[in-house]
Amino acid sequence: MTLAALAAFYVVHLAAAMSPGPAVLLAARTSLREGMARGAWLSVGIGLGACIWALAALFGLALLFEVAPALLSVMKIAGAGYLLYLAWKMWKHAPDPLQADLTETARARSPLALIWLGIATQLANPKPAVFFGTIFLTFVPPETETWVYPVLLGMILFNDTGWNIIVSRIFSLDRTRRGYLNLKTVIDRTFGSLLALLGLKLALT
């Protein structure tokens, strides 16, 4: 695999990582409410979840989806259900005072729990498996050297984790958080609605 192909893979995947989706939305909301550090832990989970889908694509899961489309449908419905559950929680707790909500969250979520939440959010969307299957077919020939695969996974981890840490930083800024405190119910319900729409889109496409 040439350096040009590696660079092309990196750019294409970075664009995909930066596109709005459930993971980016959750990173933004988490950092708004809980600060950058907790958003960063979530981002690590998002990056690991992307790597899991990439590995699945390398092992032929994307091809399996093409051969057995019913499996993809089942996974899409299950993922959509998880996203709708998260959306319902956001909507339900939107009017809760921030301090009480943060205290409860701090007790319930350790850094490891945030990492698992990031992984689960990524795995709730099976479309990355198809994306990675396509991008690997495009950029990674069958005779690719073994050392290339950990490099590709490193790029994926770096892109997904790094971009969502940037999102976490932006949404953890004092000015951003002050605006959030003034409009907490509206913003939380907007986030919840967007997540619900993403869940419905996943189920229906």
N, C-alpha and C. Protein backbone atom coordinates (compact mmCIF):
# COMPACT_ATOMS: atom_id res chain seq x y z
N MET A 1 0.85 -1.19 0.00
CA MET A 1 0.00 0.00 0.00
C MET A 1 0.89 1.24 0.00
N THR A 2 0.65 2.17 -0.91
CA THR A 2 1.50 3.34 -1.06
C THR A 2 1.16 4.40 -0.02
N LEU A 3 2.10 5.34 0.17
CA LEU A 3 1.85 6.45 1.09
C LEU A 3 0.69 7.31 0.60
N ALA A 4 0.56 7.45 -0.71
CA ALA A 4 -0.56 8.22 -1.27
C ALA A 4 -1.89 7.58 -0.92
N ALA A 5 -1.95 6.25 -0.98
CA ALA A 5 -3.20 5.56 -0.61
C ALA A 5 -3.49 5.71 0.87
N LEU A 6 -2.46 5.63 1.71
CA LEU A 6 -2.64 5.85 3.15
C LEU A 6 -3.16 7.25 3.43
N ALA A 7 -2.58 8.24 2.73
CA ALA A 7 -3.01 9.63 2.93
C ALA A 7 -4.46 9.80 2.49
N ALA A 8 -4.81 9.18 1.36
CA ALA A 8 -6.19 9.29 0.87
C ALA A 8 -7.16 8.64 1.86
N PHE A 9 -6.79 7.48 2.38
CA PHE A 9 -7.62 6.81 3.39
C PHE A 9 -7.82 7.72 4.60
N TYR A 10 -6.74 8.33 5.05
CA TYR A 10 -6.80 9.21 6.23
C TYR A 10 -7.78 10.36 6.00
N VAL A 11 -7.68 11.02 4.85
CA VAL A 11 -8.52 12.19 4.57
C VAL A 11 -9.99 11.78 4.46
N VAL A 12 -10.25 10.68 3.76
CA VAL A 12 -11.64 10.23 3.59
C VAL A 12 -12.25 9.86 4.93
N HIS A 13 -11.47 9.13 5.75
CA HIS A 13 -12.02 8.76 7.06
C HIS A 13 -12.19 9.96 7.97
N LEU A 14 -11.26 10.91 7.92
CA LEU A 14 -11.39 12.11 8.75
C LEU A 14 -12.68 12.85 8.41
N ALA A 15 -12.99 12.97 7.12
CA ALA A 15 -14.23 13.62 6.72
C ALA A 15 -15.44 12.88 7.28
N ALA A 16 -15.38 11.54 7.27
CA ALA A 16 -16.48 10.75 7.83
C ALA A 16 -16.58 10.95 9.33
N ALA A 17 -15.43 10.99 10.03
CA ALA A 17 -15.45 11.18 11.48
C ALA A 17 -16.02 12.54 11.87
N MET A 18 -15.80 13.54 11.01
CA MET A 18 -16.26 14.90 11.32
C MET A 18 -17.73 15.12 10.98
N SER A 19 -18.31 14.20 10.23
CA SER A 19 -19.72 14.39 9.85
C SER A 19 -20.62 14.23 11.06
N PRO A 20 -21.67 15.06 11.16
CA PRO A 20 -22.56 14.98 12.33
C PRO A 20 -23.23 13.62 12.43
N GLY A 21 -23.33 13.14 13.66
CA GLY A 21 -23.97 11.85 13.91
C GLY A 21 -24.19 11.67 15.40
N PRO A 22 -24.70 10.53 15.81
CA PRO A 22 -25.00 10.31 17.23
C PRO A 22 -23.77 10.50 18.13
N ALA A 23 -22.60 10.03 17.69
CA ALA A 23 -21.41 10.11 18.53
C ALA A 23 -21.00 11.56 18.77
N VAL A 24 -20.96 12.35 17.69
CA VAL A 24 -20.58 13.76 17.81
C VAL A 24 -21.60 14.51 18.68
N LEU A 25 -22.87 14.20 18.49
CA LEU A 25 -23.93 14.84 19.26
C LEU A 25 -23.78 14.54 20.75
N LEU A 26 -23.48 13.29 21.07
CA LEU A 26 -23.35 12.91 22.47
C LEU A 26 -22.09 13.52 23.09
N ALA A 27 -21.00 13.62 22.32
CA ALA A 27 -19.78 14.25 22.82
C ALA A 27 -20.04 15.72 23.14
N ALA A 28 -20.79 16.40 22.28
CA ALA A 28 -21.10 17.81 22.52
C ALA A 28 -21.93 17.99 23.78
N ARG A 29 -22.95 17.17 23.92
CA ARG A 29 -23.84 17.32 25.09
C ARG A 29 -23.11 16.95 26.39
N THR A 30 -22.33 15.89 26.35
CA THR A 30 -21.61 15.46 27.56
C THR A 30 -20.65 16.54 28.04
N SER A 31 -19.90 17.13 27.12
CA SER A 31 -18.95 18.17 27.52
C SER A 31 -19.65 19.44 27.97
N LEU A 32 -20.80 19.74 27.38
CA LEU A 32 -21.58 20.89 27.82
C LEU A 32 -21.98 20.75 29.28
N ARG A 33 -22.45 19.59 29.64
CA ARG A 33 -23.00 19.37 30.98
C ARG A 33 -21.95 18.97 32.01
N GLU A 34 -20.91 18.28 31.56
CA GLU A 34 -20.00 17.65 32.52
C GLU A 34 -18.55 18.08 32.37
N GLY A 35 -18.23 18.87 31.35
CA GLY A 35 -16.88 19.36 31.19
C GLY A 35 -16.08 18.56 30.17
N MET A 36 -14.94 19.14 29.77
CA MET A 36 -14.14 18.55 28.70
C MET A 36 -13.56 17.19 29.08
N ALA A 37 -13.09 17.04 30.32
CA ALA A 37 -12.43 15.79 30.71
C ALA A 37 -13.36 14.60 30.51
N ARG A 38 -14.62 14.74 30.92
CA ARG A 38 -15.56 13.63 30.77
C ARG A 38 -15.93 13.43 29.30
N GLY A 39 -16.00 14.55 28.56
CA GLY A 39 -16.23 14.42 27.13
C GLY A 39 -15.07 13.72 26.43
N ALA A 40 -13.85 13.93 26.94
CA ALA A 40 -12.68 13.28 26.35
C ALA A 40 -12.71 11.77 26.58
N TRP A 41 -13.12 11.34 27.78
CA TRP A 41 -13.24 9.90 28.04
C TRP A 41 -14.28 9.28 27.10
N LEU A 42 -15.39 9.98 26.92
CA LEU A 42 -16.41 9.50 25.98
C LEU A 42 -15.82 9.40 24.58
N SER A 43 -14.99 10.39 24.20
CA SER A 43 -14.38 10.40 22.87
C SER A 43 -13.48 9.19 22.65
N VAL A 44 -12.77 8.77 23.69
CA VAL A 44 -11.93 7.57 23.58
C VAL A 44 -12.81 6.37 23.24
N GLY A 45 -13.95 6.26 23.90
CA GLY A 45 -14.88 5.17 23.59
C GLY A 45 -15.40 5.24 22.17
N ILE A 46 -15.66 6.45 21.69
CA ILE A 46 -16.13 6.63 20.31
C ILE A 46 -15.07 6.14 19.33
N GLY A 47 -13.80 6.49 19.61
CA GLY A 47 -12.72 6.03 18.75
C GLY A 47 -12.57 4.51 18.78
N LEU A 48 -12.68 3.92 19.96
CA LEU A 48 -12.59 2.46 20.07
C LEU A 48 -13.75 1.78 19.35
N GLY A 49 -14.94 2.37 19.46
CA GLY A 49 -16.10 1.81 18.75
C GLY A 49 -15.89 1.83 17.24
N ALA A 50 -15.29 2.90 16.73
CA ALA A 50 -15.00 2.96 15.29
C ALA A 50 -14.00 1.87 14.90
N CYS A 51 -13.02 1.63 15.75
CA CYS A 51 -12.03 0.57 15.47
C CYS A 51 -12.69 -0.80 15.45
N ILE A 52 -13.66 -1.02 16.33
CA ILE A 52 -14.37 -2.31 16.35
C ILE A 52 -15.10 -2.52 15.03
N TRP A 53 -15.78 -1.47 14.53
CA TRP A 53 -16.47 -1.61 13.25
C TRP A 53 -15.47 -1.82 12.12
N ALA A 54 -14.32 -1.14 12.20
CA ALA A 54 -13.30 -1.33 11.16
C ALA A 54 -12.79 -2.77 11.15
N LEU A 55 -12.55 -3.32 12.33
CA LEU A 55 -12.13 -4.72 12.41
C LEU A 55 -13.21 -5.65 11.88
N ALA A 56 -14.47 -5.33 12.19
CA ALA A 56 -15.58 -6.15 11.69
C ALA A 56 -15.60 -6.13 10.17
N ALA A 57 -15.36 -4.94 9.59
CA ALA A 57 -15.34 -4.85 8.13
C ALA A 57 -14.18 -5.65 7.55
N LEU A 58 -13.03 -5.58 8.21
CA LEU A 58 -11.87 -6.35 7.74
C LEU A 58 -12.15 -7.85 7.76
N PHE A 59 -12.95 -8.28 8.74
CA PHE A 59 -13.26 -9.70 8.84
C PHE A 59 -14.50 -10.10 8.02
N GLY A 60 -15.01 -9.17 7.23
CA GLY A 60 -16.05 -9.52 6.27
C GLY A 60 -17.48 -9.28 6.72
N LEU A 61 -17.69 -8.50 7.80
CA LEU A 61 -19.06 -8.27 8.24
C LEU A 61 -19.84 -7.45 7.22
N ALA A 62 -19.18 -6.50 6.56
CA ALA A 62 -19.87 -5.71 5.54
C ALA A 62 -20.37 -6.61 4.41
N LEU A 63 -19.53 -7.59 4.02
CA LEU A 63 -19.96 -8.54 2.99
C LEU A 63 -21.12 -9.38 3.49
N LEU A 64 -21.10 -9.75 4.77
CA LEU A 64 -22.18 -10.52 5.35
C LEU A 64 -23.49 -9.74 5.30
N PHE A 65 -23.43 -8.42 5.53
CA PHE A 65 -24.63 -7.59 5.45
C PHE A 65 -25.21 -7.63 4.03
N GLU A 66 -24.33 -7.68 3.02
CA GLU A 66 -24.82 -7.73 1.64
C GLU A 66 -25.46 -9.08 1.33
N VAL A 67 -24.87 -10.14 1.87
CA VAL A 67 -25.40 -11.49 1.62
C VAL A 67 -26.68 -11.73 2.42
N ALA A 68 -26.69 -11.23 3.67
CA ALA A 68 -27.86 -11.42 4.54
C ALA A 68 -28.36 -10.07 5.02
N PRO A 69 -29.07 -9.34 4.16
CA PRO A 69 -29.53 -7.99 4.52
C PRO A 69 -30.45 -7.97 5.74
N ALA A 70 -31.09 -9.10 6.05
CA ALA A 70 -31.96 -9.13 7.23
C ALA A 70 -31.16 -8.89 8.50
N LEU A 71 -29.91 -9.36 8.52
CA LEU A 71 -29.06 -9.13 9.69
C LEU A 71 -28.80 -7.65 9.89
N LEU A 72 -28.53 -6.95 8.79
CA LEU A 72 -28.32 -5.50 8.89
C LEU A 72 -29.58 -4.81 9.38
N SER A 73 -30.74 -5.26 8.91
CA SER A 73 -32.00 -4.66 9.34
C SER A 73 -32.22 -4.83 10.84
N VAL A 74 -31.92 -6.04 11.34
CA VAL A 74 -32.07 -6.31 12.78
C VAL A 74 -31.14 -5.41 13.59
N MET A 75 -29.89 -5.29 13.14
CA MET A 75 -28.94 -4.46 13.86
C MET A 75 -29.32 -2.99 13.80
N LYS A 76 -29.85 -2.56 12.66
CA LYS A 76 -30.28 -1.16 12.54
C LYS A 76 -31.44 -0.86 13.48
N ILE A 77 -32.39 -1.79 13.59
CA ILE A 77 -33.53 -1.58 14.49
C ILE A 77 -33.08 -1.56 15.94
N ALA A 78 -32.17 -2.48 16.29
CA ALA A 78 -31.66 -2.50 17.66
C ALA A 78 -30.89 -1.22 17.97
N GLY A 79 -30.06 -0.77 17.03
CA GLY A 79 -29.32 0.47 17.23
C GLY A 79 -30.23 1.67 17.32
N ALA A 80 -31.25 1.70 16.47
CA ALA A 80 -32.20 2.81 16.51
C ALA A 80 -32.94 2.84 17.85
N GLY A 81 -33.27 1.66 18.38
CA GLY A 81 -33.93 1.59 19.68
C GLY A 81 -33.05 2.16 20.78
N TYR A 82 -31.76 1.87 20.72
CA TYR A 82 -30.82 2.40 21.72
C TYR A 82 -30.73 3.92 21.62
N LEU A 83 -30.63 4.44 20.40
CA LEU A 83 -30.55 5.89 20.22
C LEU A 83 -31.84 6.58 20.68
N LEU A 84 -32.98 5.95 20.42
CA LEU A 84 -34.25 6.52 20.86
C LEU A 84 -34.35 6.50 22.39
N TYR A 85 -33.80 5.47 23.01
CA TYR A 85 -33.76 5.42 24.48
C TYR A 85 -32.93 6.56 25.04
N LEU A 86 -31.75 6.81 24.46
CA LEU A 86 -30.93 7.93 24.91
C LEU A 86 -31.67 9.26 24.70
N ALA A 87 -32.36 9.37 23.57
CA ALA A 87 -33.11 10.60 23.28
C ALA A 87 -34.21 10.81 24.31
N TRP A 88 -34.90 9.75 24.68
CA TRP A 88 -35.97 9.85 25.67
C TRP A 88 -35.42 10.30 27.02
N LYS A 89 -34.24 9.77 27.40
CA LYS A 89 -33.63 10.18 28.66
C LYS A 89 -33.27 11.66 28.63
N MET A 90 -32.72 12.13 27.52
CA MET A 90 -32.39 13.55 27.39
C MET A 90 -33.64 14.41 27.54
N TRP A 91 -34.70 14.02 26.87
CA TRP A 91 -35.95 14.80 26.89
C TRP A 91 -36.55 14.80 28.29
N LYS A 92 -36.57 13.62 28.91
CA LYS A 92 -37.20 13.48 30.23
C LYS A 92 -36.50 14.32 31.28
N HIS A 93 -35.17 14.32 31.27
CA HIS A 93 -34.40 15.00 32.31
C HIS A 93 -34.01 16.43 31.94
N ALA A 94 -34.51 16.92 30.81
CA ALA A 94 -34.16 18.28 30.39
C ALA A 94 -34.50 19.34 31.44
N PRO A 95 -35.67 19.26 32.11
CA PRO A 95 -36.00 20.32 33.09
C PRO A 95 -35.26 20.17 34.42
N ASP A 96 -34.54 19.06 34.65
CA ASP A 96 -33.87 18.86 35.94
C ASP A 96 -32.80 19.92 36.17
N PRO A 97 -32.66 20.39 37.41
CA PRO A 97 -31.58 21.35 37.70
C PRO A 97 -30.23 20.74 37.36
N LEU A 98 -29.33 21.56 36.82
CA LEU A 98 -28.05 21.04 36.36
C LEU A 98 -27.24 20.44 37.49
N GLN A 99 -27.17 21.08 38.64
CA GLN A 99 -26.30 20.61 39.71
C GLN A 99 -26.71 19.23 40.20
N ALA A 100 -28.02 19.04 40.40
CA ALA A 100 -28.50 17.74 40.86
C ALA A 100 -28.24 16.67 39.81
N ASP A 101 -28.42 17.05 38.54
CA ASP A 101 -28.22 16.10 37.45
C ASP A 101 -26.75 15.70 37.38
N LEU A 102 -25.84 16.68 37.54
CA LEU A 102 -24.41 16.40 37.48
C LEU A 102 -23.97 15.53 38.65
N THR A 103 -24.54 15.77 39.83
CA THR A 103 -24.17 14.97 40.98
C THR A 103 -24.54 13.51 40.75
N GLU A 104 -25.72 13.29 40.22
CA GLU A 104 -26.16 11.92 39.93
C GLU A 104 -25.26 11.28 38.87
N THR A 105 -24.92 12.06 37.85
CA THR A 105 -24.09 11.54 36.78
C THR A 105 -22.71 11.18 37.30
N ALA A 106 -22.16 12.05 38.15
CA ALA A 106 -20.82 11.80 38.68
C ALA A 106 -20.78 10.51 39.48
N ARG A 107 -21.86 10.21 40.18
CA ARG A 107 -21.90 8.97 40.95
C ARG A 107 -22.03 7.75 40.03
N ALA A 108 -22.80 7.92 38.95
CA ALA A 108 -23.14 6.77 38.12
C ALA A 108 -22.10 6.45 37.06
N ARG A 109 -21.36 7.46 36.60
CA ARG A 109 -20.47 7.26 35.46
C ARG A 109 -19.01 7.50 35.83
N SER A 110 -18.25 6.44 35.84
CA SER A 110 -16.80 6.55 35.97
C SER A 110 -16.23 6.80 34.58
N PRO A 111 -14.93 7.13 34.48
CA PRO A 111 -14.32 7.24 33.14
C PRO A 111 -14.52 5.99 32.30
N LEU A 112 -14.40 4.81 32.93
CA LEU A 112 -14.62 3.57 32.19
C LEU A 112 -16.05 3.48 31.67
N ALA A 113 -17.01 3.93 32.49
CA ALA A 113 -18.41 3.91 32.04
C ALA A 113 -18.62 4.85 30.86
N LEU A 114 -17.93 5.99 30.87
CA LEU A 114 -18.04 6.93 29.75
C LEU A 114 -17.44 6.32 28.48
N ILE A 115 -16.32 5.61 28.64
CA ILE A 115 -15.72 4.93 27.49
C ILE A 115 -16.70 3.90 26.91
N TRP A 116 -17.32 3.13 27.79
CA TRP A 116 -18.29 2.14 27.33
C TRP A 116 -19.50 2.80 26.66
N LEU A 117 -19.91 3.96 27.17
CA LEU A 117 -21.02 4.68 26.54
C LEU A 117 -20.64 5.11 25.13
N GLY A 118 -19.40 5.59 24.96
CA GLY A 118 -18.94 5.95 23.63
C GLY A 118 -18.90 4.76 22.69
N ILE A 119 -18.40 3.63 23.19
CA ILE A 119 -18.37 2.42 22.36
C ILE A 119 -19.79 2.00 21.97
N ALA A 120 -20.70 1.98 22.96
CA ALA A 120 -22.07 1.55 22.70
C ALA A 120 -22.76 2.47 21.69
N THR A 121 -22.49 3.77 21.79
CA THR A 121 -23.11 4.72 20.85
C THR A 121 -22.62 4.46 19.44
N GLN A 122 -21.33 4.17 19.28
CA GLN A 122 -20.81 3.84 17.95
C GLN A 122 -21.39 2.52 17.44
N LEU A 123 -21.45 1.53 18.31
CA LEU A 123 -21.92 0.22 17.87
C LEU A 123 -23.42 0.21 17.59
N ALA A 124 -24.13 1.23 18.11
CA ALA A 124 -25.57 1.31 17.85
C ALA A 124 -25.86 1.64 16.39
N ASN A 125 -24.84 2.09 15.66
CA ASN A 125 -25.02 2.44 14.25
C ASN A 125 -24.20 1.49 13.39
N PRO A 126 -24.82 0.51 12.75
CA PRO A 126 -24.06 -0.46 11.97
C PRO A 126 -23.55 0.07 10.63
N LYS A 127 -23.94 1.29 10.26
CA LYS A 127 -23.51 1.82 8.97
C LYS A 127 -21.99 1.95 8.84
N PRO A 128 -21.24 2.24 9.93
CA PRO A 128 -19.78 2.29 9.78
C PRO A 128 -19.18 1.00 9.26
N ALA A 129 -19.78 -0.15 9.58
CA ALA A 129 -19.25 -1.42 9.07
C ALA A 129 -19.30 -1.44 7.55
N VAL A 130 -20.43 -0.96 7.00
CA VAL A 130 -20.56 -0.89 5.54
C VAL A 130 -19.60 0.15 4.98
N PHE A 131 -19.49 1.30 5.67
CA PHE A 131 -18.56 2.35 5.23
C PHE A 131 -17.13 1.83 5.19
N PHE A 132 -16.71 1.18 6.28
CA PHE A 132 -15.34 0.68 6.32
C PHE A 132 -15.12 -0.42 5.29
N GLY A 133 -16.14 -1.26 5.10
CA GLY A 133 -16.01 -2.28 4.07
C GLY A 133 -15.77 -1.67 2.71
N THR A 134 -16.49 -0.57 2.42
CA THR A 134 -16.33 0.12 1.14
C THR A 134 -14.96 0.78 1.03
N ILE A 135 -14.56 1.47 2.09
CA ILE A 135 -13.30 2.21 2.04
C ILE A 135 -12.11 1.26 2.00
N PHE A 136 -12.22 0.11 2.67
CA PHE A 136 -11.13 -0.85 2.60
C PHE A 136 -11.02 -1.45 1.19
N LEU A 137 -12.19 -1.73 0.58
CA LEU A 137 -12.16 -2.26 -0.79
C LEU A 137 -11.55 -1.25 -1.75
N THR A 138 -11.77 0.05 -1.46
CA THR A 138 -11.29 1.10 -2.35
C THR A 138 -9.79 1.34 -2.21
N PHE A 139 -9.31 1.37 -0.96
CA PHE A 139 -7.94 1.80 -0.70
C PHE A 139 -6.99 0.68 -0.30
N VAL A 140 -7.52 -0.46 0.13
CA VAL A 140 -6.65 -1.51 0.68
C VAL A 140 -6.72 -2.75 -0.21
N PRO A 141 -5.70 -2.99 -1.04
CA PRO A 141 -5.72 -4.16 -1.91
C PRO A 141 -5.54 -5.45 -1.12
N PRO A 142 -5.96 -6.58 -1.67
CA PRO A 142 -5.84 -7.86 -0.95
C PRO A 142 -4.41 -8.21 -0.55
N GLU A 143 -3.43 -7.77 -1.34
CA GLU A 143 -2.04 -8.14 -1.05
C GLU A 143 -1.36 -7.16 -0.08
N THR A 144 -2.16 -6.37 0.63
CA THR A 144 -1.61 -5.38 1.57
C THR A 144 -0.76 -6.06 2.64
N GLU A 145 0.38 -5.42 2.96
CA GLU A 145 1.27 -5.95 3.98
C GLU A 145 0.58 -5.92 5.35
N THR A 146 0.95 -6.85 6.22
CA THR A 146 0.31 -6.98 7.53
C THR A 146 0.48 -5.72 8.37
N TRP A 147 1.63 -5.05 8.27
CA TRP A 147 1.88 -3.89 9.12
C TRP A 147 0.93 -2.73 8.83
N VAL A 148 0.31 -2.74 7.65
CA VAL A 148 -0.57 -1.63 7.26
C VAL A 148 -1.82 -1.60 8.13
N TYR A 149 -2.34 -2.76 8.53
CA TYR A 149 -3.62 -2.81 9.24
C TYR A 149 -3.57 -2.10 10.59
N PRO A 150 -2.57 -2.33 11.43
CA PRO A 150 -2.51 -1.53 12.67
C PRO A 150 -2.34 -0.04 12.42
N VAL A 151 -1.68 0.31 11.32
CA VAL A 151 -1.55 1.74 10.98
C VAL A 151 -2.93 2.32 10.65
N LEU A 152 -3.71 1.59 9.88
CA LEU A 152 -5.05 2.05 9.53
C LEU A 152 -5.93 2.18 10.78
N LEU A 153 -5.85 1.19 11.66
CA LEU A 153 -6.64 1.26 12.90
C LEU A 153 -6.18 2.44 13.76
N GLY A 154 -4.87 2.71 13.77
CA GLY A 154 -4.37 3.86 14.51
C GLY A 154 -4.92 5.16 13.96
N MET A 155 -4.99 5.27 12.63
CA MET A 155 -5.58 6.46 12.00
C MET A 155 -7.05 6.62 12.40
N ILE A 156 -7.77 5.51 12.38
CA ILE A 156 -9.20 5.56 12.72
C ILE A 156 -9.38 6.00 14.17
N LEU A 157 -8.60 5.41 15.07
CA LEU A 157 -8.69 5.78 16.48
C LEU A 157 -8.33 7.24 16.67
N PHE A 158 -7.28 7.69 16.01
CA PHE A 158 -6.84 9.09 16.14
C PHE A 158 -7.90 10.05 15.62
N ASN A 159 -8.46 9.76 14.44
CA ASN A 159 -9.44 10.66 13.84
C ASN A 159 -10.71 10.77 14.67
N ASP A 160 -11.29 9.62 15.02
CA ASP A 160 -12.56 9.66 15.75
C ASP A 160 -12.38 10.21 17.16
N THR A 161 -11.34 9.77 17.84
CA THR A 161 -11.11 10.28 19.19
C THR A 161 -10.73 11.75 19.16
N GLY A 162 -9.80 12.10 18.28
CA GLY A 162 -9.32 13.48 18.22
C GLY A 162 -10.40 14.48 17.86
N TRP A 163 -11.21 14.15 16.85
CA TRP A 163 -12.26 15.09 16.45
C TRP A 163 -13.27 15.29 17.57
N ASN A 164 -13.66 14.22 18.25
CA ASN A 164 -14.65 14.37 19.30
C ASN A 164 -14.07 15.05 20.54
N ILE A 165 -12.76 14.95 20.76
CA ILE A 165 -12.14 15.75 21.82
C ILE A 165 -12.19 17.23 21.47
N ILE A 166 -11.96 17.55 20.19
CA ILE A 166 -12.09 18.95 19.75
C ILE A 166 -13.51 19.45 19.98
N VAL A 167 -14.50 18.62 19.62
CA VAL A 167 -15.90 18.98 19.86
C VAL A 167 -16.13 19.20 21.36
N SER A 168 -15.57 18.30 22.17
CA SER A 168 -15.73 18.43 23.63
C SER A 168 -15.12 19.73 24.13
N ARG A 169 -13.97 20.09 23.60
CA ARG A 169 -13.33 21.33 24.02
C ARG A 169 -14.18 22.54 23.67
N ILE A 170 -14.70 22.57 22.46
CA ILE A 170 -15.52 23.71 22.03
C ILE A 170 -16.76 23.85 22.92
N PHE A 171 -17.42 22.73 23.20
CA PHE A 171 -18.66 22.80 23.96
C PHE A 171 -18.44 22.88 25.47
N SER A 172 -17.18 22.78 25.91
CA SER A 172 -16.91 22.94 27.34
C SER A 172 -16.46 24.35 27.71
N LEU A 173 -16.31 25.22 26.72
CA LEU A 173 -15.87 26.59 26.99
C LEU A 173 -16.89 27.32 27.87
N ASP A 174 -16.39 28.21 28.70
CA ASP A 174 -17.27 28.91 29.66
C ASP A 174 -18.40 29.64 28.95
N ARG A 175 -18.09 30.30 27.85
CA ARG A 175 -19.15 31.04 27.15
C ARG A 175 -20.23 30.09 26.64
N THR A 176 -19.80 28.95 26.10
CA THR A 176 -20.76 27.97 25.61
C THR A 176 -21.61 27.42 26.75
N ARG A 177 -20.96 27.13 27.89
CA ARG A 177 -21.68 26.55 29.03
C ARG A 177 -22.63 27.57 29.66
N ARG A 178 -22.23 28.85 29.67
CA ARG A 178 -23.15 29.87 30.21
C ARG A 178 -24.42 29.95 29.37
N GLY A 179 -24.24 29.89 28.05
CA GLY A 179 -25.41 29.89 27.18
C GLY A 179 -26.27 28.66 27.42
N TYR A 180 -25.62 27.53 27.67
CA TYR A 180 -26.37 26.30 27.96
C TYR A 180 -27.17 26.41 29.24
N LEU A 181 -26.56 26.98 30.29
CA LEU A 181 -27.26 27.11 31.57
C LEU A 181 -28.51 27.96 31.43
N ASN A 182 -28.45 28.96 30.56
CA ASN A 182 -29.61 29.84 30.38
C ASN A 182 -30.73 29.17 29.59
N LEU A 183 -30.37 28.17 28.80
CA LEU A 183 -31.36 27.54 27.93
C LEU A 183 -31.32 26.02 28.06
N LYS A 184 -31.07 25.53 29.26
CA LYS A 184 -30.83 24.10 29.46
C LYS A 184 -31.96 23.23 28.93
N THR A 185 -33.19 23.52 29.32
CA THR A 185 -34.31 22.68 28.91
C THR A 185 -34.46 22.65 27.39
N VAL A 186 -34.37 23.83 26.77
CA VAL A 186 -34.53 23.91 25.31
C VAL A 186 -33.40 23.15 24.61
N ILE A 187 -32.16 23.36 25.07
CA ILE A 187 -31.01 22.73 24.42
C ILE A 187 -31.05 21.22 24.61
N ASP A 188 -31.33 20.75 25.82
CA ASP A 188 -31.38 19.31 26.06
C ASP A 188 -32.46 18.64 25.21
N ARG A 189 -33.60 19.30 25.10
CA ARG A 189 -34.67 18.72 24.30
C ARG A 189 -34.36 18.81 22.81
N THR A 190 -33.60 19.81 22.41
CA THR A 190 -33.15 19.87 21.02
C THR A 190 -32.19 18.74 20.72
N PHE A 191 -31.21 18.52 21.64
CA PHE A 191 -30.30 17.39 21.48
C PHE A 191 -31.08 16.08 21.43
N GLY A 192 -32.04 15.94 22.35
CA GLY A 192 -32.84 14.71 22.38
C GLY A 192 -33.61 14.50 21.09
N SER A 193 -34.18 15.57 20.57
CA SER A 193 -34.95 15.48 19.32
C SER A 193 -34.05 15.09 18.16
N LEU A 194 -32.85 15.70 18.10
CA LEU A 194 -31.92 15.37 17.02
C LEU A 194 -31.48 13.92 17.10
N LEU A 195 -31.23 13.45 18.32
CA LEU A 195 -30.83 12.06 18.48
C LEU A 195 -31.96 11.12 18.09
N ALA A 196 -33.19 11.50 18.43
CA ALA A 196 -34.35 10.69 18.04
C ALA A 196 -34.49 10.64 16.51
N LEU A 197 -34.27 11.78 15.86
CA LEU A 197 -34.35 11.81 14.40
C LEU A 197 -33.27 10.93 13.77
N LEU A 198 -32.07 10.96 14.35
CA LEU A 198 -31.00 10.09 13.85
C LEU A 198 -31.36 8.61 14.04
N GLY A 199 -31.98 8.31 15.17
CA GLY A 199 -32.42 6.94 15.41
C GLY A 199 -33.47 6.50 14.40
N LEU A 200 -34.45 7.38 14.15
CA LEU A 200 -35.49 7.05 13.17
C LEU A 200 -34.91 6.93 11.76
N LYS A 201 -33.96 7.82 11.44
CA LYS A 201 -33.32 7.74 10.12
C LYS A 201 -32.60 6.42 9.96
N LEU A 202 -31.91 5.99 11.02
CA LEU A 202 -31.20 4.71 10.98
C LEU A 202 -32.16 3.57 10.74
N ALA A 203 -33.31 3.61 11.42
CA ALA A 203 -34.28 2.51 11.30
C ALA A 203 -34.94 2.47 9.94
N LEU A 204 -35.10 3.65 9.31
CA LEU A 204 -35.92 3.72 8.10
C LEU A 204 -35.10 3.72 6.81
N THR A 205 -33.76 3.78 6.92
CA THR A 205 -32.94 3.82 5.70
C THR A 205 -32.14 2.54 5.54
